[in-house]
Amino acid sequence: MIAVTGATGQLGRLVIASLLTKVPAQEIVAVVRSPEKARDLAEKGIAVRQADYNDASALERALAGVERLLLISSSEVGKRAAQHQAVIDAAKKNALRFIAYTSLLHADRSPLGLAEEHRQTEAALRASGLRFALLRNGWYTENYAASIPAALQFHAFNGAAGEGRIASATRQDYAEAAAAVITQATPQEKIYELAGDSSYTLAEFAAEIARQSGTPVAWNNLSQQAFATLLTEAGLPQGLAEMLADSDVGAAQGGLFDDSGTLSQLIGHPTTPWQETIAATLRGC
């Protein structure tokens, strides 16, 4: 059986959908915090098991009988390393054969502050004695596309990434990659550096929004502190604002760029062009 943690999250649901094209529903276990949010998955024949990343005994029960696990990283930045360790410990107790973990692009040398907890989790996997693969995901194009409505309203796209090139891909692309790795006939112990086929600067991203929408959109490159303050003033929690600003600065240093083509090779088709994600977002505005 194949288990997926965070199965009702944005990435998790897409992974489940991709898995259903490869294996019977009866071979999938959806590990979720709130089973009521997974009723649709249960109706498809998927086993839904409740477990919180902070509940070691629940995690151990949830992974009973599981052979392969996709560990989707927790959304609770600052608590991730301990939470992931709890999942790894539960996997060891259940003698799982293989774990695939959604890490961060070039986590071992990434300048992004987000990388530290991923490095800690990767170290925990190495120390576990379990077989594993690292899915080092780059940025989701949706992360930047989420700012399009505000960019149209204020005729400005703000950030702190300078001229850094960003090779993002969609959640769907990364979900297909995760499903491909976890269902391999013989799972490979490997590090996958996953990123989009094409890259852009945020100046180019802003220009494409303007081109497609017919609305003037200026690119404003701010300092890290100024961008974090702007995000906080827009209503984001301070911790999230600081994380996004730090990630932009990391992008300026090349932290979100990779041109290996590993992701498209893994999923068997080109990654979704970032221009298409802009177009889809504009259709919903």
Protein backbone atom coordinates (compact mmCIF):
# COMPACT_ATOMS: atom_id res chain seq x y z
CA MET A 1 0.00 0.00 0.00
CA ILE A 2 1.04 3.59 -0.67
CA ALA A 3 0.35 6.27 1.95
CA VAL A 4 0.32 10.02 1.37
CA THR A 5 0.55 12.47 4.26
CA GLY A 6 -1.25 15.81 3.99
CA ALA A 7 -3.55 14.14 1.49
CA THR A 8 -6.24 16.84 1.61
CA GLY A 9 -3.79 19.69 1.06
CA GLN A 10 -3.34 21.48 -2.25
CA LEU A 11 -0.47 19.25 -3.34
CA GLY A 12 -1.77 16.14 -1.63
CA ARG A 13 -5.07 16.09 -3.49
CA LEU A 14 -3.28 16.41 -6.82
CA VAL A 15 -0.94 13.55 -5.87
CA ILE A 16 -3.91 11.35 -4.96
CA ALA A 17 -5.53 12.14 -8.32
CA SER A 18 -2.32 11.20 -10.13
CA LEU A 19 -1.98 7.99 -8.11
CA LEU A 20 -5.50 6.96 -9.09
CA THR A 21 -4.34 6.84 -12.72
CA LYS A 22 -1.61 4.37 -11.77
CA VAL A 23 -2.88 2.12 -8.97
CA PRO A 24 -6.28 0.96 -7.63
CA ALA A 25 -7.87 3.14 -4.96
CA GLN A 26 -7.69 0.21 -2.54
CA GLU A 27 -3.90 0.46 -2.59
CA ILE A 28 -3.86 4.10 -1.43
CA VAL A 29 -3.92 5.39 2.14
CA ALA A 30 -4.73 9.05 2.70
CA VAL A 31 -3.23 10.25 5.99
CA VAL A 32 -5.12 13.36 7.05
CA ARG A 33 -5.59 15.58 10.06
CA SER A 34 -9.35 15.99 9.52
CA PRO A 35 -11.09 12.91 8.04
CA GLU A 36 -14.26 14.90 7.39
CA LYS A 37 -12.36 16.80 4.70
CA ALA A 38 -11.53 13.51 2.97
CA ARG A 39 -15.01 12.06 2.58
CA ASP A 40 -14.74 12.32 -1.20
CA LEU A 41 -11.54 10.25 -1.09
CA ALA A 42 -13.19 7.58 1.07
CA GLU A 43 -16.09 7.43 -1.39
CA LYS A 44 -13.56 6.51 -4.09
CA GLY A 45 -12.37 3.53 -2.07
CA ILE A 46 -9.26 5.14 -0.61
CA ALA A 47 -8.44 4.27 3.01
CA VAL A 48 -8.60 7.48 5.06
CA ARG A 49 -6.63 7.40 8.31
CA GLN A 50 -6.47 10.21 10.84
CA ALA A 51 -3.08 11.37 12.08
CA ASP A 52 -1.54 14.65 13.09
CA TYR A 53 2.15 15.32 12.47
CA ASN A 54 2.43 15.99 16.21
CA ASP A 55 0.80 12.71 17.33
CA ALA A 56 3.35 9.92 17.25
CA SER A 57 0.94 7.11 18.22
CA ALA A 58 -1.62 8.18 15.61
CA LEU A 59 1.10 8.27 12.95
CA GLU A 60 2.21 4.78 13.89
CA ARG A 61 -1.36 3.49 13.56
CA ALA A 62 -1.90 5.33 10.28
CA LEU A 63 1.14 3.70 8.66
CA ALA A 64 0.29 0.15 9.70
CA GLY A 65 0.46 -2.16 6.69
CA VAL A 66 1.93 0.54 4.45
CA GLU A 67 4.90 -0.32 2.23
CA ARG A 68 5.61 3.05 0.58
CA LEU A 69 5.11 6.56 1.90
CA LEU A 70 5.02 9.96 0.29
CA LEU A 71 5.90 12.38 3.07
CA ILE A 72 4.59 15.76 1.99
CA SER A 73 6.33 18.40 4.07
CA SER A 74 4.31 20.03 6.81
CA SER A 75 2.94 23.53 6.30
CA GLU A 76 3.94 24.60 9.81
CA VAL A 77 7.26 26.34 9.19
CA GLY A 78 9.34 26.25 12.36
CA LYS A 79 7.84 22.93 13.49
CA ARG A 80 8.62 20.90 10.40
CA ALA A 81 11.80 19.12 11.49
CA ALA A 82 10.23 17.64 14.63
CA GLN A 83 7.01 16.77 12.82
CA HIS A 84 8.85 15.04 9.99
CA GLN A 85 10.97 13.15 12.52
CA ALA A 86 7.77 11.83 14.07
CA VAL A 87 6.62 10.52 10.70
CA ILE A 88 10.01 8.92 10.02
CA ASP A 89 9.96 7.25 13.44
CA ALA A 90 6.48 5.86 12.74
CA ALA A 91 7.70 4.60 9.38
CA LYS A 92 10.60 2.80 11.04
CA LYS A 93 8.32 1.14 13.57
CA ASN A 94 6.17 -0.14 10.72
CA ALA A 95 9.23 -1.25 8.70
CA LEU A 96 8.23 0.72 5.61
CA ARG A 97 10.16 -0.21 2.51
CA PHE A 98 10.45 3.24 0.94
CA ILE A 99 9.83 6.96 1.63
CA ALA A 100 9.71 9.80 -0.87
CA TYR A 101 9.99 13.24 0.74
CA THR A 102 9.07 16.62 -0.76
CA SER A 103 12.13 18.71 0.01
CA LEU A 104 13.34 22.02 -1.47
CA LEU A 105 15.28 22.63 -4.68
CA HIS A 106 19.03 22.22 -4.02
CA ALA A 107 18.27 22.07 -0.30
CA ASP A 108 21.86 21.21 0.55
CA ARG A 109 23.10 24.59 -0.71
CA SER A 110 19.95 26.69 -0.93
CA PRO A 111 20.19 30.28 0.37
CA LEU A 112 16.49 30.25 1.34
CA GLY A 113 15.73 30.20 5.04
CA LEU A 114 13.12 27.52 4.33
CA ALA A 115 15.91 25.10 3.44
CA GLU A 116 17.16 24.51 6.97
CA GLU A 117 14.26 22.33 8.12
CA HIS A 118 14.44 20.41 4.86
CA ARG A 119 18.15 19.79 5.45
CA GLN A 120 17.32 18.52 8.93
CA THR A 121 14.67 16.18 7.54
CA GLU A 122 17.01 14.89 4.85
CA ALA A 123 19.58 14.16 7.57
CA ALA A 124 16.92 12.34 9.61
CA LEU A 125 16.07 10.18 6.62
CA ARG A 126 19.72 9.30 6.11
CA ALA A 127 20.01 8.35 9.78
CA SER A 128 16.83 6.26 9.71
CA GLY A 129 18.22 3.32 7.79
CA LEU A 130 15.15 3.38 5.53
CA ARG A 131 15.31 3.54 1.75
CA PHE A 132 14.26 6.96 0.50
CA ALA A 133 14.19 9.43 -2.37
CA LEU A 134 14.31 13.21 -2.12
CA LEU A 135 11.90 15.17 -4.30
CA ARG A 136 13.57 18.56 -4.13
CA ASN A 137 10.75 20.70 -5.45
CA GLY A 138 11.29 24.17 -6.82
CA TRP A 139 8.78 27.00 -6.47
CA TYR A 140 5.13 26.68 -7.44
CA THR A 141 4.22 29.12 -10.20
CA GLU A 142 0.96 29.57 -8.28
CA ASN A 143 2.95 31.25 -5.49
CA TYR A 144 3.54 34.26 -7.72
CA ALA A 145 0.29 33.98 -9.66
CA ALA A 146 -1.57 34.54 -6.39
CA SER A 147 -0.39 38.16 -6.51
CA ILE A 148 -1.93 38.83 -9.92
CA PRO A 149 -5.26 40.28 -8.66
CA ALA A 150 -3.40 42.80 -6.50
CA ALA A 151 -1.02 43.58 -9.36
CA LEU A 152 -3.99 44.42 -11.59
CA GLN A 153 -5.62 46.51 -8.88
CA PHE A 154 -2.55 48.56 -8.01
CA HIS A 155 -0.77 48.33 -11.39
CA ALA A 156 2.33 47.01 -9.65
CA PHE A 157 3.98 43.66 -8.97
CA ASN A 158 6.20 43.83 -5.89
CA GLY A 159 9.03 41.62 -4.76
CA ALA A 160 12.66 41.40 -3.75
CA ALA A 161 14.06 38.89 -6.25
CA GLY A 162 16.04 41.35 -8.33
CA GLU A 163 17.27 39.74 -11.55
CA GLY A 164 17.17 36.23 -10.12
CA ARG A 165 15.78 33.67 -12.53
CA ILE A 166 13.00 31.44 -11.24
CA ALA A 167 12.35 28.04 -12.81
CA SER A 168 8.96 27.31 -11.30
CA ALA A 169 6.38 24.68 -12.21
CA THR A 170 2.78 24.04 -11.23
CA ARG A 171 1.60 21.95 -8.31
CA GLN A 172 0.17 19.55 -10.89
CA ASP A 173 3.64 19.04 -12.38
CA TYR A 174 5.17 18.29 -8.97
CA ALA A 175 2.25 16.04 -8.04
CA GLU A 176 2.74 13.94 -11.16
CA ALA A 177 6.44 13.63 -10.33
CA ALA A 178 5.69 12.44 -6.80
CA ALA A 179 3.22 9.85 -8.10
CA ALA A 180 5.74 8.68 -10.69
CA VAL A 181 8.48 8.14 -8.10
CA ILE A 182 6.34 6.45 -5.44
CA THR A 183 4.87 3.98 -7.95
CA GLN A 184 8.10 2.92 -9.64
CA ALA A 185 8.37 -0.85 -10.01
CA THR A 186 11.63 -0.65 -8.09
CA PRO A 187 11.79 2.71 -6.29
CA GLN A 188 15.16 4.37 -6.70
CA GLU A 189 17.13 5.86 -3.85
CA LYS A 190 17.83 9.12 -5.59
CA ILE A 191 17.84 12.91 -5.28
CA TYR A 192 15.58 14.58 -7.82
CA GLU A 193 16.18 18.31 -8.40
CA LEU A 194 12.78 19.36 -9.77
CA ALA A 195 12.05 22.64 -11.53
CA GLY A 196 10.26 24.06 -14.56
CA ASP A 197 11.62 23.81 -18.08
CA SER A 198 11.71 27.59 -18.53
CA SER A 199 12.60 30.42 -16.19
CA TYR A 200 11.79 34.09 -15.73
CA THR A 201 12.66 37.10 -13.65
CA LEU A 202 9.86 38.79 -11.76
CA ALA A 203 10.25 41.76 -14.09
CA GLU A 204 9.41 39.40 -16.95
CA PHE A 205 6.55 37.92 -14.94
CA ALA A 206 5.08 41.39 -14.37
CA ALA A 207 5.49 42.27 -18.05
CA GLU A 208 3.64 39.10 -19.05
CA ILE A 209 0.76 39.93 -16.72
CA ALA A 210 0.56 43.36 -18.37
CA ARG A 211 0.75 41.89 -21.87
CA GLN A 212 -1.97 39.31 -21.32
CA SER A 213 -4.31 41.55 -19.33
CA GLY A 214 -3.82 44.77 -21.25
CA THR A 215 -3.34 46.50 -17.90
CA PRO A 216 -0.15 48.39 -17.02
CA VAL A 217 1.80 46.48 -14.36
CA ALA A 218 5.12 47.86 -13.12
CA TRP A 219 7.77 45.71 -11.46
CA ASN A 220 8.91 47.12 -8.11
CA ASN A 221 12.07 45.54 -6.75
CA LEU A 222 12.19 46.25 -3.02
CA SER A 223 14.61 45.51 -0.22
CA GLN A 224 13.89 42.41 1.85
CA GLN A 225 12.65 44.48 4.79
CA ALA A 226 10.54 46.79 2.64
CA PHE A 227 8.88 43.83 0.92
CA ALA A 228 8.18 42.08 4.24
CA THR A 229 6.67 45.30 5.62
CA LEU A 230 4.50 45.71 2.52
CA LEU A 231 3.20 42.14 2.85
CA THR A 232 2.46 42.65 6.54
CA GLU A 233 0.58 45.85 5.79
CA ALA A 234 -1.42 43.91 3.20
CA GLY A 235 -2.62 41.61 5.97
CA LEU A 236 -0.22 38.67 5.90
CA PRO A 237 1.02 37.28 9.23
CA GLN A 238 4.48 38.62 10.04
CA GLY A 239 6.11 35.20 9.95
CA LEU A 240 4.71 34.42 6.51
CA ALA A 241 5.63 37.87 5.21
CA GLU A 242 9.21 37.48 6.39
CA MET A 243 9.43 33.99 4.88
CA LEU A 244 8.21 35.20 1.48
CA ALA A 245 10.60 38.14 1.51
CA ASP A 246 13.49 35.86 2.47
CA SER A 247 12.55 33.47 -0.34
CA ASP A 248 12.57 36.30 -2.86
CA VAL A 249 16.05 37.32 -1.74
CA GLY A 250 17.09 33.67 -2.05
CA ALA A 251 15.72 33.70 -5.60
CA ALA A 252 17.90 36.74 -6.33
CA GLN A 253 20.87 34.55 -5.38
CA GLY A 254 19.83 31.74 -7.74
CA GLY A 255 18.06 29.62 -5.14
CA LEU A 256 14.98 28.93 -7.28
CA PHE A 257 16.76 28.15 -10.56
CA ASP A 258 17.60 24.80 -12.10
CA ASP A 259 17.87 23.88 -15.77
CA SER A 260 18.45 20.12 -15.54
CA GLY A 261 15.06 19.22 -17.04
CA THR A 262 14.67 16.45 -14.45
CA LEU A 263 11.03 17.25 -13.73
CA SER A 264 9.82 17.04 -17.33
CA GLN A 265 11.85 13.86 -17.85
CA LEU A 266 10.21 12.31 -14.80
CA ILE A 267 6.63 13.18 -15.76
CA GLY A 268 7.13 12.40 -19.44
CA HIS A 269 6.03 15.76 -20.85
CA PRO A 270 7.07 19.43 -20.71
CA THR A 271 6.27 21.29 -17.52
CA THR A 272 3.40 23.77 -17.62
CA PRO A 273 4.64 27.07 -19.08
CA TRP A 274 4.48 29.88 -16.53
CA GLN A 275 2.68 31.99 -19.10
CA GLU A 276 -0.17 29.46 -19.07
CA THR A 277 -0.50 29.75 -15.31
CA ILE A 278 -0.76 33.53 -15.67
CA ALA A 279 -3.45 33.08 -18.34
CA ALA A 280 -5.42 30.66 -16.16
CA THR A 281 -5.25 33.04 -13.21
CA LEU A 282 -6.38 35.96 -15.31
CA ARG A 283 -9.40 33.96 -16.49
CA GLY A 284 -10.42 33.62 -12.86
CA CYS A 285 -9.99 37.29 -12.00
